[in-house]
Amino acid sequence: MDKLLHLDRTLDELDPPRWTAPAQDATHLVRTVHELRRVPLKELRPADLRTLIAQQVALPYVLPLAVRLLTEEPLLDAYFYEGDLLVAAVEAPSSAWSVLPDLGERLCSVIESLPESAVAGLPSGAAEALARFVARTRQSSS
């Protein structure tokens, strides 16, 4: 959780090099991600974290923030649907989680504590993504 000590800093400061301004014809998503890199970590909202995780931006810094939220509210509706932040987190590359093994274990515990009915209510493929994450994390920790 060392990364949480830097809540007053931005991803541009913590995750060099600083990004240059997006191209004039950049998509809304690209402009959004560029803007989020200039926001102090403590000001990132759940939807911002979901976006950064889905775009695989500065994962060592944003995954700890997401896990902190998910331990309190696993099925948090960040932007699209209930549980979207959780699904984005478990779909992050295993290489990102390999440097955060304690957080991966913590997220596994959160997932395993979810009622079966809650998992069944997630969008198609989400239950499988959760199961893959737990299996992969448990395998790498043994």
N, C-alpha and C. Protein backbone atom coordinates (compact mmCIF):
# COMPACT_ATOMS: atom_id res chain seq x y z
N MET A 1 0.82 -1.19 0.00
CA MET A 1 0.00 0.00 0.00
C MET A 1 0.86 1.26 0.00
N ASP A 2 2.17 1.12 -0.24
CA ASP A 2 3.05 2.29 -0.28
C ASP A 2 2.53 3.36 -1.23
N LYS A 3 1.90 2.92 -2.30
CA LYS A 3 1.45 3.87 -3.32
C LYS A 3 0.43 4.85 -2.77
N LEU A 4 -0.28 4.47 -1.71
CA LEU A 4 -1.30 5.35 -1.13
C LEU A 4 -0.67 6.52 -0.36
N LEU A 5 0.62 6.48 -0.16
CA LEU A 5 1.29 7.57 0.55
C LEU A 5 1.44 8.81 -0.32
N HIS A 6 1.15 8.66 -1.58
CA HIS A 6 1.36 9.74 -2.54
C HIS A 6 0.05 10.36 -3.01
N LEU A 7 -0.92 10.44 -2.17
CA LEU A 7 -2.26 10.87 -2.58
C LEU A 7 -2.32 12.32 -3.04
N ASP A 8 -1.37 13.13 -2.65
CA ASP A 8 -1.37 14.54 -3.08
C ASP A 8 -0.70 14.73 -4.44
N ARG A 9 -0.11 13.68 -4.96
CA ARG A 9 0.61 13.79 -6.23
C ARG A 9 -0.23 13.25 -7.37
N THR A 10 0.18 13.56 -8.59
CA THR A 10 -0.54 13.12 -9.78
C THR A 10 0.19 11.95 -10.43
N LEU A 11 -0.48 11.28 -11.33
CA LEU A 11 0.16 10.19 -12.06
C LEU A 11 1.30 10.71 -12.93
N ASP A 12 1.15 11.90 -13.47
CA ASP A 12 2.24 12.48 -14.24
C ASP A 12 3.50 12.63 -13.39
N GLU A 13 3.33 12.92 -12.11
CA GLU A 13 4.48 13.06 -11.20
C GLU A 13 5.03 11.69 -10.79
N LEU A 14 4.15 10.74 -10.56
CA LEU A 14 4.54 9.45 -10.02
C LEU A 14 4.94 8.43 -11.08
N ASP A 15 4.45 8.58 -12.27
CA ASP A 15 4.61 7.59 -13.32
C ASP A 15 5.24 8.23 -14.55
N PRO A 16 6.54 8.56 -14.46
CA PRO A 16 7.18 9.26 -15.58
C PRO A 16 7.24 8.37 -16.82
N PRO A 17 7.42 9.01 -17.96
CA PRO A 17 7.53 10.46 -18.16
C PRO A 17 6.15 11.11 -18.20
N ARG A 18 6.15 12.42 -17.93
CA ARG A 18 4.90 13.17 -18.05
C ARG A 18 4.42 13.04 -19.49
N TRP A 19 3.11 12.94 -19.62
CA TRP A 19 2.55 12.83 -20.95
C TRP A 19 2.42 14.21 -21.58
N THR A 20 2.67 14.28 -22.86
CA THR A 20 2.45 15.54 -23.58
C THR A 20 0.96 15.68 -23.84
N ALA A 21 0.55 16.85 -24.27
CA ALA A 21 -0.86 17.09 -24.58
C ALA A 21 -1.31 16.13 -25.68
N PRO A 22 -2.56 15.68 -25.60
CA PRO A 22 -3.04 14.78 -26.66
C PRO A 22 -3.13 15.50 -28.00
N ALA A 23 -3.12 14.73 -29.05
CA ALA A 23 -3.24 15.30 -30.40
C ALA A 23 -4.56 16.04 -30.53
N GLN A 24 -4.58 16.99 -31.41
CA GLN A 24 -5.77 17.83 -31.63
C GLN A 24 -7.00 16.99 -31.97
N ASP A 25 -6.79 15.90 -32.72
CA ASP A 25 -7.92 15.07 -33.15
C ASP A 25 -8.11 13.84 -32.26
N ALA A 26 -7.55 13.86 -31.05
CA ALA A 26 -7.66 12.73 -30.13
C ALA A 26 -9.13 12.50 -29.73
N THR A 27 -9.42 11.25 -29.43
CA THR A 27 -10.78 10.91 -29.01
C THR A 27 -11.06 11.46 -27.61
N HIS A 28 -12.32 11.45 -27.26
CA HIS A 28 -12.72 11.91 -25.93
C HIS A 28 -12.04 11.06 -24.85
N LEU A 29 -11.97 9.76 -25.08
CA LEU A 29 -11.33 8.88 -24.11
C LEU A 29 -9.86 9.23 -23.92
N VAL A 30 -9.15 9.45 -24.99
CA VAL A 30 -7.73 9.79 -24.90
C VAL A 30 -7.55 11.11 -24.16
N ARG A 31 -8.36 12.10 -24.47
CA ARG A 31 -8.27 13.39 -23.77
C ARG A 31 -8.57 13.20 -22.28
N THR A 32 -9.57 12.38 -21.97
CA THR A 32 -9.93 12.13 -20.57
C THR A 32 -8.78 11.50 -19.81
N VAL A 33 -8.16 10.48 -20.38
CA VAL A 33 -7.04 9.80 -19.71
C VAL A 33 -5.89 10.78 -19.49
N HIS A 34 -5.59 11.59 -20.47
CA HIS A 34 -4.52 12.59 -20.32
C HIS A 34 -4.86 13.55 -19.17
N GLU A 35 -6.11 13.98 -19.10
CA GLU A 35 -6.52 14.88 -18.02
C GLU A 35 -6.42 14.20 -16.66
N LEU A 36 -6.82 12.93 -16.58
CA LEU A 36 -6.78 12.22 -15.31
C LEU A 36 -5.36 12.06 -14.78
N ARG A 37 -4.38 12.02 -15.65
CA ARG A 37 -2.99 11.91 -15.19
C ARG A 37 -2.52 13.17 -14.48
N ARG A 38 -3.26 14.25 -14.60
CA ARG A 38 -2.89 15.52 -13.94
C ARG A 38 -3.74 15.80 -12.70
N VAL A 39 -4.56 14.84 -12.28
CA VAL A 39 -5.41 14.99 -11.11
C VAL A 39 -4.71 14.33 -9.91
N PRO A 40 -4.65 14.99 -8.76
CA PRO A 40 -4.07 14.33 -7.58
C PRO A 40 -4.82 13.02 -7.29
N LEU A 41 -4.09 12.00 -6.89
CA LEU A 41 -4.68 10.69 -6.65
C LEU A 41 -5.89 10.77 -5.71
N LYS A 42 -5.81 11.59 -4.69
CA LYS A 42 -6.91 11.66 -3.72
C LYS A 42 -8.19 12.22 -4.33
N GLU A 43 -8.10 12.84 -5.50
CA GLU A 43 -9.28 13.41 -6.14
C GLU A 43 -9.87 12.52 -7.23
N LEU A 44 -9.23 11.39 -7.50
CA LEU A 44 -9.76 10.49 -8.51
C LEU A 44 -11.03 9.81 -7.99
N ARG A 45 -12.07 9.85 -8.80
CA ARG A 45 -13.36 9.23 -8.43
C ARG A 45 -13.37 7.79 -8.92
N PRO A 46 -14.33 6.99 -8.43
CA PRO A 46 -14.41 5.60 -8.89
C PRO A 46 -14.47 5.47 -10.42
N ALA A 47 -15.22 6.33 -11.08
CA ALA A 47 -15.29 6.27 -12.55
C ALA A 47 -13.93 6.56 -13.18
N ASP A 48 -13.17 7.46 -12.57
CA ASP A 48 -11.83 7.77 -13.08
C ASP A 48 -10.92 6.56 -12.94
N LEU A 49 -11.00 5.91 -11.79
CA LEU A 49 -10.18 4.71 -11.56
C LEU A 49 -10.54 3.62 -12.56
N ARG A 50 -11.84 3.42 -12.79
CA ARG A 50 -12.29 2.41 -13.74
C ARG A 50 -11.72 2.70 -15.13
N THR A 51 -11.76 3.96 -15.53
CA THR A 51 -11.24 4.36 -16.84
C THR A 51 -9.74 4.10 -16.92
N LEU A 52 -8.99 4.52 -15.91
CA LEU A 52 -7.54 4.33 -15.92
C LEU A 52 -7.16 2.85 -15.92
N ILE A 53 -7.88 2.06 -15.14
CA ILE A 53 -7.59 0.63 -15.09
C ILE A 53 -7.93 -0.02 -16.42
N ALA A 54 -9.06 0.30 -16.98
CA ALA A 54 -9.46 -0.29 -18.26
C ALA A 54 -8.48 0.07 -19.37
N GLN A 55 -7.88 1.26 -19.26
CA GLN A 55 -6.90 1.70 -20.26
C GLN A 55 -5.47 1.31 -19.88
N GLN A 56 -5.32 0.59 -18.76
CA GLN A 56 -4.04 0.09 -18.28
C GLN A 56 -3.02 1.21 -18.08
N VAL A 57 -3.45 2.26 -17.42
CA VAL A 57 -2.60 3.42 -17.16
C VAL A 57 -2.16 3.43 -15.70
N ALA A 58 -0.87 3.44 -15.47
CA ALA A 58 -0.29 3.58 -14.12
C ALA A 58 -0.92 2.62 -13.11
N LEU A 59 -1.05 1.38 -13.50
CA LEU A 59 -1.74 0.40 -12.65
C LEU A 59 -1.15 0.24 -11.25
N PRO A 60 0.17 0.32 -11.05
CA PRO A 60 0.69 0.21 -9.68
C PRO A 60 0.17 1.30 -8.74
N TYR A 61 -0.32 2.38 -9.30
CA TYR A 61 -0.84 3.48 -8.48
C TYR A 61 -2.36 3.46 -8.38
N VAL A 62 -3.04 3.05 -9.44
CA VAL A 62 -4.51 3.11 -9.40
C VAL A 62 -5.14 1.85 -8.84
N LEU A 63 -4.52 0.69 -9.03
CA LEU A 63 -5.10 -0.53 -8.46
C LEU A 63 -5.20 -0.48 -6.94
N PRO A 64 -4.19 0.02 -6.21
CA PRO A 64 -4.37 0.12 -4.75
C PRO A 64 -5.55 1.01 -4.35
N LEU A 65 -5.78 2.07 -5.09
CA LEU A 65 -6.93 2.94 -4.80
C LEU A 65 -8.23 2.20 -5.06
N ALA A 66 -8.28 1.45 -6.14
CA ALA A 66 -9.49 0.69 -6.46
C ALA A 66 -9.75 -0.38 -5.41
N VAL A 67 -8.72 -1.11 -5.01
CA VAL A 67 -8.91 -2.16 -4.01
C VAL A 67 -9.40 -1.57 -2.70
N ARG A 68 -8.88 -0.42 -2.35
CA ARG A 68 -9.35 0.23 -1.11
C ARG A 68 -10.86 0.48 -1.18
N LEU A 69 -11.34 0.95 -2.31
CA LEU A 69 -12.79 1.17 -2.48
C LEU A 69 -13.55 -0.14 -2.51
N LEU A 70 -13.00 -1.12 -3.20
CA LEU A 70 -13.70 -2.40 -3.37
C LEU A 70 -13.79 -3.20 -2.09
N THR A 71 -12.87 -3.01 -1.16
CA THR A 71 -12.98 -3.72 0.12
C THR A 71 -14.16 -3.18 0.92
N GLU A 72 -14.50 -1.92 0.68
CA GLU A 72 -15.65 -1.31 1.37
C GLU A 72 -16.95 -1.58 0.64
N GLU A 73 -16.90 -1.57 -0.70
CA GLU A 73 -18.11 -1.75 -1.50
C GLU A 73 -17.75 -2.52 -2.78
N PRO A 74 -17.73 -3.86 -2.69
CA PRO A 74 -17.25 -4.67 -3.81
C PRO A 74 -18.00 -4.46 -5.13
N LEU A 75 -19.28 -4.22 -5.05
CA LEU A 75 -20.07 -4.07 -6.27
C LEU A 75 -20.36 -2.61 -6.59
N LEU A 76 -19.43 -1.77 -6.23
CA LEU A 76 -19.52 -0.34 -6.50
C LEU A 76 -19.84 -0.09 -7.97
N ASP A 77 -20.82 0.76 -8.22
CA ASP A 77 -21.17 1.17 -9.58
C ASP A 77 -20.36 2.42 -9.88
N ALA A 78 -19.23 2.24 -10.56
CA ALA A 78 -18.34 3.37 -10.84
C ALA A 78 -18.87 4.23 -11.96
N TYR A 79 -19.48 3.61 -12.97
CA TYR A 79 -19.93 4.40 -14.11
C TYR A 79 -20.98 3.68 -14.95
N PHE A 80 -20.72 2.42 -15.30
CA PHE A 80 -21.59 1.72 -16.24
C PHE A 80 -22.61 0.82 -15.58
N TYR A 81 -22.20 0.05 -14.58
CA TYR A 81 -23.10 -0.92 -13.95
C TYR A 81 -22.53 -1.31 -12.59
N GLU A 82 -23.38 -1.89 -11.79
CA GLU A 82 -22.96 -2.36 -10.47
C GLU A 82 -21.85 -3.41 -10.66
N GLY A 83 -20.71 -3.18 -10.04
CA GLY A 83 -19.58 -4.10 -10.13
C GLY A 83 -18.60 -3.78 -11.24
N ASP A 84 -18.78 -2.66 -11.95
CA ASP A 84 -17.90 -2.37 -13.08
C ASP A 84 -16.45 -2.09 -12.66
N LEU A 85 -16.25 -1.48 -11.51
CA LEU A 85 -14.87 -1.25 -11.05
C LEU A 85 -14.21 -2.58 -10.70
N LEU A 86 -14.94 -3.47 -10.06
CA LEU A 86 -14.41 -4.78 -9.72
C LEU A 86 -14.02 -5.56 -10.98
N VAL A 87 -14.89 -5.55 -11.96
CA VAL A 87 -14.61 -6.27 -13.20
C VAL A 87 -13.39 -5.67 -13.90
N ALA A 88 -13.30 -4.35 -13.95
CA ALA A 88 -12.13 -3.72 -14.56
C ALA A 88 -10.85 -4.13 -13.83
N ALA A 89 -10.92 -4.15 -12.50
CA ALA A 89 -9.74 -4.50 -11.71
C ALA A 89 -9.28 -5.94 -11.98
N VAL A 90 -10.21 -6.88 -12.00
CA VAL A 90 -9.79 -8.28 -12.20
C VAL A 90 -9.34 -8.54 -13.63
N GLU A 91 -9.74 -7.67 -14.55
CA GLU A 91 -9.30 -7.83 -15.94
C GLU A 91 -7.98 -7.12 -16.23
N ALA A 92 -7.43 -6.45 -15.24
CA ALA A 92 -6.10 -5.85 -15.41
C ALA A 92 -5.10 -6.98 -15.64
N PRO A 93 -4.06 -6.73 -16.40
CA PRO A 93 -3.08 -7.79 -16.70
C PRO A 93 -2.48 -8.41 -15.44
N SER A 94 -2.21 -9.70 -15.52
CA SER A 94 -1.62 -10.39 -14.36
C SER A 94 -0.27 -9.79 -14.01
N SER A 95 0.43 -9.22 -14.98
CA SER A 95 1.73 -8.59 -14.69
C SER A 95 1.57 -7.41 -13.73
N ALA A 96 0.44 -6.71 -13.81
CA ALA A 96 0.20 -5.60 -12.88
C ALA A 96 -0.04 -6.11 -11.47
N TRP A 97 -0.76 -7.22 -11.37
CA TRP A 97 -1.05 -7.79 -10.05
C TRP A 97 0.18 -8.49 -9.46
N SER A 98 1.10 -8.94 -10.29
CA SER A 98 2.26 -9.67 -9.77
C SER A 98 3.14 -8.78 -8.89
N VAL A 99 3.10 -7.47 -9.10
CA VAL A 99 3.87 -6.57 -8.25
C VAL A 99 3.06 -6.09 -7.04
N LEU A 100 1.80 -6.53 -6.97
CA LEU A 100 0.91 -6.15 -5.86
C LEU A 100 0.26 -7.41 -5.27
N PRO A 101 1.06 -8.42 -4.88
CA PRO A 101 0.47 -9.69 -4.46
C PRO A 101 -0.46 -9.58 -3.25
N ASP A 102 -0.13 -8.75 -2.29
CA ASP A 102 -0.99 -8.60 -1.11
C ASP A 102 -2.35 -8.02 -1.48
N LEU A 103 -2.34 -7.07 -2.39
CA LEU A 103 -3.61 -6.49 -2.84
C LEU A 103 -4.42 -7.50 -3.64
N GLY A 104 -3.75 -8.30 -4.44
CA GLY A 104 -4.45 -9.35 -5.18
C GLY A 104 -5.12 -10.33 -4.23
N GLU A 105 -4.41 -10.70 -3.18
CA GLU A 105 -4.98 -11.61 -2.18
C GLU A 105 -6.18 -10.96 -1.47
N ARG A 106 -6.04 -9.68 -1.16
CA ARG A 106 -7.14 -8.98 -0.51
C ARG A 106 -8.36 -8.95 -1.43
N LEU A 107 -8.14 -8.69 -2.71
CA LEU A 107 -9.26 -8.66 -3.64
C LEU A 107 -9.87 -10.05 -3.80
N CYS A 108 -9.06 -11.08 -3.78
CA CYS A 108 -9.59 -12.45 -3.82
C CYS A 108 -10.54 -12.70 -2.65
N SER A 109 -10.15 -12.27 -1.48
CA SER A 109 -11.00 -12.44 -0.30
C SER A 109 -12.31 -11.71 -0.46
N VAL A 110 -12.27 -10.52 -1.03
CA VAL A 110 -13.49 -9.74 -1.28
C VAL A 110 -14.39 -10.51 -2.25
N ILE A 111 -13.80 -11.01 -3.32
CA ILE A 111 -14.57 -11.73 -4.33
C ILE A 111 -15.21 -12.98 -3.74
N GLU A 112 -14.42 -13.73 -2.97
CA GLU A 112 -14.92 -14.97 -2.38
C GLU A 112 -16.01 -14.73 -1.34
N SER A 113 -16.09 -13.53 -0.80
CA SER A 113 -17.13 -13.23 0.18
C SER A 113 -18.44 -12.76 -0.47
N LEU A 114 -18.43 -12.56 -1.77
CA LEU A 114 -19.64 -12.10 -2.46
C LEU A 114 -20.68 -13.21 -2.50
N PRO A 115 -21.93 -12.86 -2.25
CA PRO A 115 -22.98 -13.87 -2.38
C PRO A 115 -23.09 -14.33 -3.85
N GLU A 116 -23.41 -15.59 -4.02
CA GLU A 116 -23.54 -16.15 -5.37
C GLU A 116 -24.56 -15.38 -6.20
N SER A 117 -25.63 -14.92 -5.55
CA SER A 117 -26.66 -14.17 -6.27
C SER A 117 -26.13 -12.84 -6.80
N ALA A 118 -25.21 -12.22 -6.06
CA ALA A 118 -24.63 -10.95 -6.51
C ALA A 118 -23.76 -11.17 -7.73
N VAL A 119 -22.97 -12.23 -7.71
CA VAL A 119 -22.10 -12.54 -8.84
C VAL A 119 -22.95 -12.90 -10.06
N ALA A 120 -24.03 -13.64 -9.84
CA ALA A 120 -24.91 -14.03 -10.95
C ALA A 120 -25.57 -12.82 -11.59
N GLY A 121 -25.71 -11.73 -10.84
CA GLY A 121 -26.35 -10.53 -11.36
C GLY A 121 -25.43 -9.65 -12.18
N LEU A 122 -24.17 -9.99 -12.26
CA LEU A 122 -23.21 -9.21 -13.04
C LEU A 122 -23.39 -9.51 -14.53
N PRO A 123 -22.90 -8.65 -15.40
CA PRO A 123 -23.03 -8.88 -16.84
C PRO A 123 -22.37 -10.18 -17.28
N SER A 124 -22.75 -10.62 -18.45
CA SER A 124 -22.22 -11.84 -19.04
C SER A 124 -20.69 -11.82 -19.05
N GLY A 125 -20.10 -12.90 -18.59
CA GLY A 125 -18.65 -13.03 -18.59
C GLY A 125 -17.97 -12.53 -17.33
N ALA A 126 -18.68 -11.76 -16.52
CA ALA A 126 -18.06 -11.19 -15.32
C ALA A 126 -17.74 -12.27 -14.28
N ALA A 127 -18.66 -13.20 -14.07
CA ALA A 127 -18.41 -14.26 -13.09
C ALA A 127 -17.18 -15.07 -13.47
N GLU A 128 -17.03 -15.32 -14.76
CA GLU A 128 -15.87 -16.07 -15.23
C GLU A 128 -14.59 -15.27 -15.03
N ALA A 129 -14.65 -13.96 -15.27
CA ALA A 129 -13.47 -13.10 -15.06
C ALA A 129 -13.07 -13.11 -13.59
N LEU A 130 -14.05 -13.05 -12.70
CA LEU A 130 -13.76 -13.09 -11.26
C LEU A 130 -13.11 -14.43 -10.89
N ALA A 131 -13.67 -15.52 -11.40
CA ALA A 131 -13.12 -16.85 -11.10
C ALA A 131 -11.70 -17.00 -11.63
N ARG A 132 -11.45 -16.51 -12.85
CA ARG A 132 -10.09 -16.58 -13.42
C ARG A 132 -9.10 -15.80 -12.56
N PHE A 133 -9.53 -14.60 -12.10
CA PHE A 133 -8.65 -13.78 -11.27
C PHE A 133 -8.30 -14.52 -9.97
N VAL A 134 -9.30 -15.08 -9.31
CA VAL A 134 -9.05 -15.78 -8.05
C VAL A 134 -8.13 -16.98 -8.29
N ALA A 135 -8.41 -17.77 -9.33
CA ALA A 135 -7.57 -18.94 -9.61
C ALA A 135 -6.14 -18.54 -9.92
N ARG A 136 -5.97 -17.53 -10.75
CA ARG A 136 -4.63 -17.07 -11.13
C ARG A 136 -3.87 -16.52 -9.91
N THR A 137 -4.57 -15.74 -9.09
CA THR A 137 -3.92 -15.15 -7.91
C THR A 137 -3.55 -16.21 -6.89
N ARG A 138 -4.46 -17.14 -6.65
CA ARG A 138 -4.18 -18.22 -5.69
C ARG A 138 -3.04 -19.10 -6.20
N GLN A 139 -3.00 -19.37 -7.49
CA GLN A 139 -1.94 -20.20 -8.07
C GLN A 139 -0.59 -19.52 -7.94
N SER A 140 -0.53 -18.22 -8.19
CA SER A 140 0.76 -17.53 -8.13
C SER A 140 1.24 -17.32 -6.70
N SER A 141 0.33 -17.40 -5.73
CA SER A 141 0.75 -17.22 -4.33
C SER A 141 1.14 -18.54 -3.67
N SER A 142 0.91 -19.65 -4.37
CA SER A 142 1.26 -20.94 -3.76
C SER A 142 2.59 -21.47 -4.25
